[in-house]
Amino acid sequence: MVVQPVEVETDGRPFRRVDVLGQAVGHAYATADVAEFMDRAGLDTALVHSPGVVEWRGGGPDSWERRAPS
């Protein structure tokens, strides 16, 4: 599972796209949403912070604000 960097909806809400096996499965607005996608994919939601299970790009599970470009 890959959680992409933060993007911003047209209404200003930050989100992160979640991919499973290379397919986009939806937008997460918080870590709980990532856990829900994990559950749907048959993964143990207790492993949401495990780098071997979830690849967090552009920040970890506590990063939900868009970063300014470097």
N, C-alpha and C. Protein backbone atom coordinates (compact mmCIF):
# COMPACT_ATOMS: atom_id res chain seq x y z
N MET A 1 0.85 -1.16 0.00
CA MET A 1 0.00 0.00 0.00
C MET A 1 0.90 1.22 0.00
N VAL A 2 0.54 2.21 -0.83
CA VAL A 2 1.30 3.45 -0.91
C VAL A 2 0.37 4.62 -0.61
N VAL A 3 0.80 5.46 0.31
CA VAL A 3 0.06 6.69 0.61
C VAL A 3 0.87 7.83 -0.01
N GLN A 4 0.27 8.48 -0.99
CA GLN A 4 0.96 9.52 -1.76
C GLN A 4 1.07 10.82 -0.96
N PRO A 5 1.93 11.75 -1.42
CA PRO A 5 2.05 13.05 -0.73
C PRO A 5 0.72 13.81 -0.70
N VAL A 6 0.66 14.75 0.21
CA VAL A 6 -0.55 15.56 0.40
C VAL A 6 -0.84 16.39 -0.85
N GLU A 7 -2.11 16.38 -1.23
CA GLU A 7 -2.64 17.24 -2.28
C GLU A 7 -3.79 18.03 -1.65
N VAL A 8 -4.36 18.95 -2.41
CA VAL A 8 -5.45 19.76 -1.86
C VAL A 8 -6.65 19.71 -2.79
N GLU A 9 -7.83 19.40 -2.20
CA GLU A 9 -9.09 19.40 -2.95
C GLU A 9 -9.39 20.83 -3.41
N THR A 10 -10.31 20.98 -4.36
CA THR A 10 -10.68 22.31 -4.82
C THR A 10 -11.30 23.14 -3.71
N ASP A 11 -11.86 22.47 -2.69
CA ASP A 11 -12.44 23.21 -1.56
C ASP A 11 -11.40 23.51 -0.47
N GLY A 12 -10.13 23.16 -0.73
CA GLY A 12 -9.06 23.47 0.21
C GLY A 12 -8.72 22.37 1.20
N ARG A 13 -9.48 21.26 1.21
CA ARG A 13 -9.20 20.18 2.16
C ARG A 13 -7.99 19.37 1.70
N PRO A 14 -7.02 19.16 2.58
CA PRO A 14 -5.87 18.32 2.21
C PRO A 14 -6.25 16.85 2.24
N PHE A 15 -5.67 16.08 1.33
CA PHE A 15 -5.91 14.64 1.27
C PHE A 15 -4.66 13.96 0.75
N ARG A 16 -4.63 12.65 0.88
CA ARG A 16 -3.55 11.85 0.31
C ARG A 16 -4.18 10.70 -0.46
N ARG A 17 -3.76 10.51 -1.71
CA ARG A 17 -4.27 9.41 -2.52
C ARG A 17 -3.66 8.11 -1.99
N VAL A 18 -4.46 7.08 -1.95
CA VAL A 18 -4.01 5.77 -1.48
C VAL A 18 -4.06 4.80 -2.65
N ASP A 19 -2.93 4.09 -2.85
CA ASP A 19 -2.83 3.10 -3.91
C ASP A 19 -2.60 1.72 -3.30
N VAL A 20 -3.25 0.72 -3.87
CA VAL A 20 -3.03 -0.67 -3.48
C VAL A 20 -2.66 -1.43 -4.76
N LEU A 21 -1.49 -2.04 -4.74
CA LEU A 21 -0.99 -2.78 -5.89
C LEU A 21 -1.01 -1.93 -7.16
N GLY A 22 -0.63 -0.66 -7.02
CA GLY A 22 -0.53 0.23 -8.17
C GLY A 22 -1.84 0.84 -8.64
N GLN A 23 -2.93 0.53 -7.97
CA GLN A 23 -4.25 1.07 -8.34
C GLN A 23 -4.72 2.06 -7.28
N ALA A 24 -5.15 3.23 -7.72
CA ALA A 24 -5.71 4.21 -6.78
C ALA A 24 -7.02 3.66 -6.22
N VAL A 25 -7.14 3.67 -4.88
CA VAL A 25 -8.36 3.16 -4.26
C VAL A 25 -9.17 4.26 -3.59
N GLY A 26 -8.61 5.47 -3.47
CA GLY A 26 -9.37 6.56 -2.89
C GLY A 26 -8.51 7.61 -2.25
N HIS A 27 -9.19 8.56 -1.63
CA HIS A 27 -8.53 9.67 -0.94
C HIS A 27 -8.66 9.47 0.56
N ALA A 28 -7.55 9.68 1.26
CA ALA A 28 -7.56 9.62 2.72
C ALA A 28 -7.39 11.04 3.25
N TYR A 29 -8.17 11.36 4.27
CA TYR A 29 -8.12 12.68 4.90
C TYR A 29 -7.50 12.60 6.28
N ALA A 30 -7.25 11.37 6.75
CA ALA A 30 -6.64 11.12 8.06
C ALA A 30 -6.14 9.68 8.06
N THR A 31 -5.32 9.36 9.04
CA THR A 31 -4.77 8.01 9.16
C THR A 31 -5.88 6.96 9.28
N ALA A 32 -6.98 7.32 9.91
CA ALA A 32 -8.10 6.38 10.04
C ALA A 32 -8.63 5.97 8.68
N ASP A 33 -8.60 6.87 7.71
CA ASP A 33 -9.05 6.52 6.35
C ASP A 33 -8.09 5.52 5.72
N VAL A 34 -6.79 5.69 5.96
CA VAL A 34 -5.80 4.73 5.44
C VAL A 34 -6.08 3.36 6.05
N ALA A 35 -6.36 3.33 7.34
CA ALA A 35 -6.69 2.06 8.01
C ALA A 35 -7.93 1.43 7.38
N GLU A 36 -8.90 2.22 7.00
CA GLU A 36 -10.11 1.69 6.35
C GLU A 36 -9.77 1.05 5.01
N PHE A 37 -8.91 1.70 4.22
CA PHE A 37 -8.48 1.12 2.95
C PHE A 37 -7.70 -0.17 3.19
N MET A 38 -6.90 -0.20 4.25
CA MET A 38 -6.17 -1.42 4.59
C MET A 38 -7.14 -2.55 4.90
N ASP A 39 -8.16 -2.25 5.68
CA ASP A 39 -9.16 -3.25 6.04
C ASP A 39 -9.84 -3.81 4.79
N ARG A 40 -10.21 -2.92 3.88
CA ARG A 40 -10.86 -3.34 2.64
C ARG A 40 -9.95 -4.23 1.79
N ALA A 41 -8.62 -3.99 1.89
CA ALA A 41 -7.65 -4.77 1.13
C ALA A 41 -7.24 -6.05 1.84
N GLY A 42 -7.81 -6.28 3.03
CA GLY A 42 -7.50 -7.49 3.78
C GLY A 42 -6.21 -7.41 4.57
N LEU A 43 -5.73 -6.19 4.81
CA LEU A 43 -4.50 -5.99 5.58
C LEU A 43 -4.83 -5.70 7.04
N ASP A 44 -3.90 -6.04 7.92
CA ASP A 44 -4.06 -5.79 9.35
C ASP A 44 -3.92 -4.30 9.61
N THR A 45 -4.99 -3.66 10.04
CA THR A 45 -4.98 -2.22 10.26
C THR A 45 -4.04 -1.79 11.38
N ALA A 46 -3.66 -2.72 12.25
CA ALA A 46 -2.71 -2.39 13.31
C ALA A 46 -1.33 -2.08 12.74
N LEU A 47 -1.11 -2.42 11.47
CA LEU A 47 0.19 -2.19 10.84
C LEU A 47 0.24 -0.90 10.03
N VAL A 48 -0.69 0.02 10.28
CA VAL A 48 -0.77 1.26 9.52
C VAL A 48 0.52 2.08 9.63
N HIS A 49 1.27 1.92 10.71
CA HIS A 49 2.52 2.66 10.89
C HIS A 49 3.74 1.83 10.48
N SER A 50 3.53 0.63 9.96
CA SER A 50 4.62 -0.27 9.61
C SER A 50 5.15 0.02 8.21
N PRO A 51 6.44 0.44 8.12
CA PRO A 51 6.99 0.75 6.79
C PRO A 51 7.05 -0.46 5.86
N GLY A 52 7.01 -1.65 6.39
CA GLY A 52 7.00 -2.83 5.54
C GLY A 52 5.65 -3.10 4.90
N VAL A 53 4.62 -2.45 5.39
CA VAL A 53 3.26 -2.66 4.89
C VAL A 53 2.75 -1.43 4.15
N VAL A 54 2.99 -0.25 4.73
CA VAL A 54 2.53 1.01 4.15
C VAL A 54 3.73 1.88 3.83
N GLU A 55 3.80 2.34 2.58
CA GLU A 55 4.84 3.28 2.17
C GLU A 55 4.22 4.67 2.20
N TRP A 56 4.70 5.49 3.12
CA TRP A 56 4.21 6.87 3.27
C TRP A 56 5.14 7.79 2.48
N ARG A 57 4.66 8.36 1.40
CA ARG A 57 5.46 9.27 0.58
C ARG A 57 5.14 10.71 0.95
N GLY A 58 6.18 11.53 1.05
CA GLY A 58 5.97 12.95 1.33
C GLY A 58 5.58 13.23 2.77
N GLY A 59 5.92 12.35 3.67
CA GLY A 59 5.60 12.52 5.08
C GLY A 59 4.92 11.29 5.64
N GLY A 60 5.04 11.11 6.93
CA GLY A 60 4.48 9.95 7.59
C GLY A 60 3.02 10.07 7.92
N PRO A 61 2.53 9.18 8.76
CA PRO A 61 1.10 9.13 9.08
C PRO A 61 0.58 10.35 9.84
N ASP A 62 1.48 11.21 10.32
CA ASP A 62 1.03 12.43 11.00
C ASP A 62 1.09 13.65 10.10
N SER A 63 1.41 13.47 8.83
CA SER A 63 1.56 14.58 7.89
C SER A 63 0.32 14.69 7.01
N TRP A 64 -0.49 15.69 7.30
CA TRP A 64 -1.72 15.90 6.53
C TRP A 64 -1.85 17.33 6.03
N GLU A 65 -0.77 18.09 6.06
CA GLU A 65 -0.75 19.44 5.52
C GLU A 65 0.20 19.46 4.34
N ARG A 66 -0.14 20.21 3.33
CA ARG A 66 0.71 20.30 2.14
C ARG A 66 1.98 21.07 2.49
N ARG A 67 3.12 20.51 2.09
CA ARG A 67 4.40 21.16 2.32
C ARG A 67 4.70 22.15 1.21
N ALA A 68 5.37 23.23 1.57
CA ALA A 68 5.80 24.20 0.56
C ALA A 68 6.94 23.58 -0.24
N PRO A 69 6.99 23.85 -1.54
CA PRO A 69 8.08 23.29 -2.35
C PRO A 69 9.44 23.77 -1.84
N SER A 70 10.44 22.87 -1.92
CA SER A 70 11.78 23.23 -1.45
C SER A 70 12.55 23.97 -2.51
